[in-house]
């Protein structure tokens, strides 16, 4: 049985016309469709959130690593799953 968790990635990256498709590529390669994607430009920086309500736990670190390798990404963080956040 595959363990799943909710996950939210928060990124700051250089504002670039090709940024958003590059950020979605790691999900598409794994046949994952984000439930929510939000992006806001603030000058030369793009703030992005990508959220999935149910993602295979084994894929989370791999997708995070792929996102870190995207050209222009300055910072990335990940929110705790809702169940772990409530328990903490």
C-alpha atoms as a PDB file:
ATOM      1  CA  UNK A   1       0.000   0.000   0.000  1.00  0.00           C
ATOM      2  CA  UNK A   2       1.347   3.412  -0.952  1.00  0.00           C
ATOM      3  CA  UNK A   3       1.508   6.013   1.827  1.00  0.00           C
ATOM      4  CA  UNK A   4       0.214   9.469   0.839  1.00  0.00           C
ATOM      5  CA  UNK A   5       0.438  12.906   2.443  1.00  0.00           C
ATOM      6  CA  UNK A   6      -0.638  16.444   1.744  1.00  0.00           C
ATOM      7  CA  UNK A   7       2.198  18.756   0.797  1.00  0.00           C
ATOM      8  CA  UNK A   8       2.688  22.443   0.033  1.00  0.00           C
ATOM      9  CA  UNK A   9       5.840  23.739  -1.616  1.00  0.00           C
ATOM     10  CA  UNK A  10       6.713  27.435  -1.281  1.00  0.00           C
ATOM     11  CA  UNK A  11       9.265  28.874  -3.685  1.00  0.00           C
ATOM     12  CA  UNK A  12      10.961  32.184  -4.397  1.00  0.00           C
ATOM     13  CA  UNK A  13      12.483  32.387  -7.845  1.00  0.00           C
ATOM     14  CA  UNK A  14      13.655  34.822 -10.477  1.00  0.00           C
ATOM     15  CA  UNK A  15      10.660  36.175 -12.395  1.00  0.00           C
ATOM     16  CA  UNK A  16      11.062  34.610 -15.836  1.00  0.00           C
ATOM     17  CA  UNK A  17       8.520  33.792 -18.573  1.00  0.00           C
ATOM     18  CA  UNK A  18       9.477  30.084 -18.535  1.00  0.00           C
ATOM     19  CA  UNK A  19       9.511  29.628 -14.752  1.00  0.00           C
ATOM     20  CA  UNK A  20       6.013  28.265 -14.138  1.00  0.00           C
ATOM     21  CA  UNK A  21       6.145  25.464 -16.741  1.00  0.00           C
ATOM     22  CA  UNK A  22       9.586  24.444 -15.402  1.00  0.00           C
ATOM     23  CA  UNK A  23       8.134  24.223 -11.877  1.00  0.00           C
ATOM     24  CA  UNK A  24       5.270  21.995 -13.036  1.00  0.00           C
ATOM     25  CA  UNK A  25       7.510  19.595 -14.991  1.00  0.00           C
ATOM     26  CA  UNK A  26       8.573  17.442 -11.970  1.00  0.00           C
ATOM     27  CA  UNK A  27       4.892  16.808 -11.197  1.00  0.00           C
ATOM     28  CA  UNK A  28       3.959  16.062 -14.805  1.00  0.00           C
ATOM     29  CA  UNK A  29       6.823  13.550 -15.143  1.00  0.00           C
ATOM     30  CA  UNK A  30       5.301  11.610 -12.231  1.00  0.00           C
ATOM     31  CA  UNK A  31       1.709  11.927 -13.486  1.00  0.00           C
ATOM     32  CA  UNK A  32       0.814  14.190 -10.539  1.00  0.00           C
ATOM     33  CA  UNK A  33      -1.583  17.118 -10.906  1.00  0.00           C
ATOM     34  CA  UNK A  34      -1.308  19.846  -8.259  1.00  0.00           C
ATOM     35  CA  UNK A  35      -4.579  20.752  -6.538  1.00  0.00           C
ATOM     36  CA  UNK A  36      -3.524  24.368  -6.242  1.00  0.00           C
ATOM     37  CA  UNK A  37      -0.885  26.605  -7.734  1.00  0.00           C
ATOM     38  CA  UNK A  38      -0.547  30.242  -6.783  1.00  0.00           C
ATOM     39  CA  UNK A  39       2.005  32.693  -8.129  1.00  0.00           C
ATOM     40  CA  UNK A  40       2.654  36.358  -7.417  1.00  0.00           C
ATOM     41  CA  UNK A  41       5.340  38.562  -8.890  1.00  0.00           C
ATOM     42  CA  UNK A  42       7.051  41.131  -6.686  1.00  0.00           C
ATOM     43  CA  UNK A  43       9.547  42.990  -8.857  1.00  0.00           C
ATOM     44  CA  UNK A  44      12.260  40.569  -9.952  1.00  0.00           C
ATOM     45  CA  UNK A  45      11.040  37.773  -7.648  1.00  0.00           C
ATOM     46  CA  UNK A  46       8.187  35.336  -8.208  1.00  0.00           C
ATOM     47  CA  UNK A  47       6.570  33.813  -5.104  1.00  0.00           C
ATOM     48  CA  UNK A  48       4.947  30.448  -5.875  1.00  0.00           C
ATOM     49  CA  UNK A  49       2.948  27.909  -3.881  1.00  0.00           C
ATOM     50  CA  UNK A  50       2.200  24.441  -5.279  1.00  0.00           C
ATOM     51  CA  UNK A  51      -0.065  22.197  -3.195  1.00  0.00           C
ATOM     52  CA  UNK A  52      -1.240  18.605  -3.450  1.00  0.00           C
ATOM     53  CA  UNK A  53      -3.848  17.145  -1.107  1.00  0.00           C
ATOM     54  CA  UNK A  54      -2.554  13.612  -1.628  1.00  0.00           C
ATOM     55  CA  UNK A  55       0.930  12.873  -2.904  1.00  0.00           C
ATOM     56  CA  UNK A  56       2.834   9.582  -2.584  1.00  0.00           C
ATOM     57  CA  UNK A  57       5.181  10.088   0.361  1.00  0.00           C
ATOM     58  CA  UNK A  58       8.048   8.450  -1.509  1.00  0.00           C
ATOM     59  CA  UNK A  59       7.814  11.133  -4.220  1.00  0.00           C
ATOM     60  CA  UNK A  60       7.904  14.207  -1.947  1.00  0.00           C
ATOM     61  CA  UNK A  61      11.692  14.387  -1.485  1.00  0.00           C
ATOM     62  CA  UNK A  62      12.329  13.572  -5.131  1.00  0.00           C
ATOM     63  CA  UNK A  63      10.014  16.341  -6.369  1.00  0.00           C
ATOM     64  CA  UNK A  64      11.526  18.778  -3.864  1.00  0.00           C
ATOM     65  CA  UNK A  65      14.992  17.933  -5.172  1.00  0.00           C
ATOM     66  CA  UNK A  66      13.845  18.475  -8.759  1.00  0.00           C
ATOM     67  CA  UNK A  67      12.325  21.839  -7.814  1.00  0.00           C
ATOM     68  CA  UNK A  68      15.623  22.906  -6.210  1.00  0.00           C
ATOM     69  CA  UNK A  69      17.352  22.237  -9.543  1.00  0.00           C
ATOM     70  CA  UNK A  70      15.009  24.456 -11.581  1.00  0.00           C
ATOM     71  CA  UNK A  71      16.904  27.389 -13.065  1.00  0.00           C
ATOM     72  CA  UNK A  72      16.110  30.575 -11.163  1.00  0.00           C
ATOM     73  CA  UNK A  73      14.860  29.019  -7.911  1.00  0.00           C
ATOM     74  CA  UNK A  74      16.334  30.967  -4.998  1.00  0.00           C
ATOM     75  CA  UNK A  75      14.572  29.369  -2.023  1.00  0.00           C
ATOM     76  CA  UNK A  76      12.222  26.477  -1.413  1.00  0.00           C
ATOM     77  CA  UNK A  77      10.424  25.287   1.703  1.00  0.00           C
ATOM     78  CA  UNK A  78       7.773  22.696   2.373  1.00  0.00           C
ATOM     79  CA  UNK A  79       4.855  22.841   4.810  1.00  0.00           C
ATOM     80  CA  UNK A  80       4.258  19.970   7.206  1.00  0.00           C
ATOM     81  CA  UNK A  81       1.364  17.684   6.348  1.00  0.00           C
ATOM     82  CA  UNK A  82      -1.807  18.913   8.034  1.00  0.00           C
ATOM     83  CA  UNK A  83      -1.964  15.909  10.370  1.00  0.00           C
ATOM     84  CA  UNK A  84       1.629  16.415  11.565  1.00  0.00           C
ATOM     85  CA  UNK A  85       1.129  20.168  11.951  1.00  0.00           C
ATOM     86  CA  UNK A  86      -1.894  19.624  14.212  1.00  0.00           C
ATOM     87  CA  UNK A  87      -0.020  17.096  16.358  1.00  0.00           C
ATOM     88  CA  UNK A  88       3.005  19.377  16.825  1.00  0.00           C
END
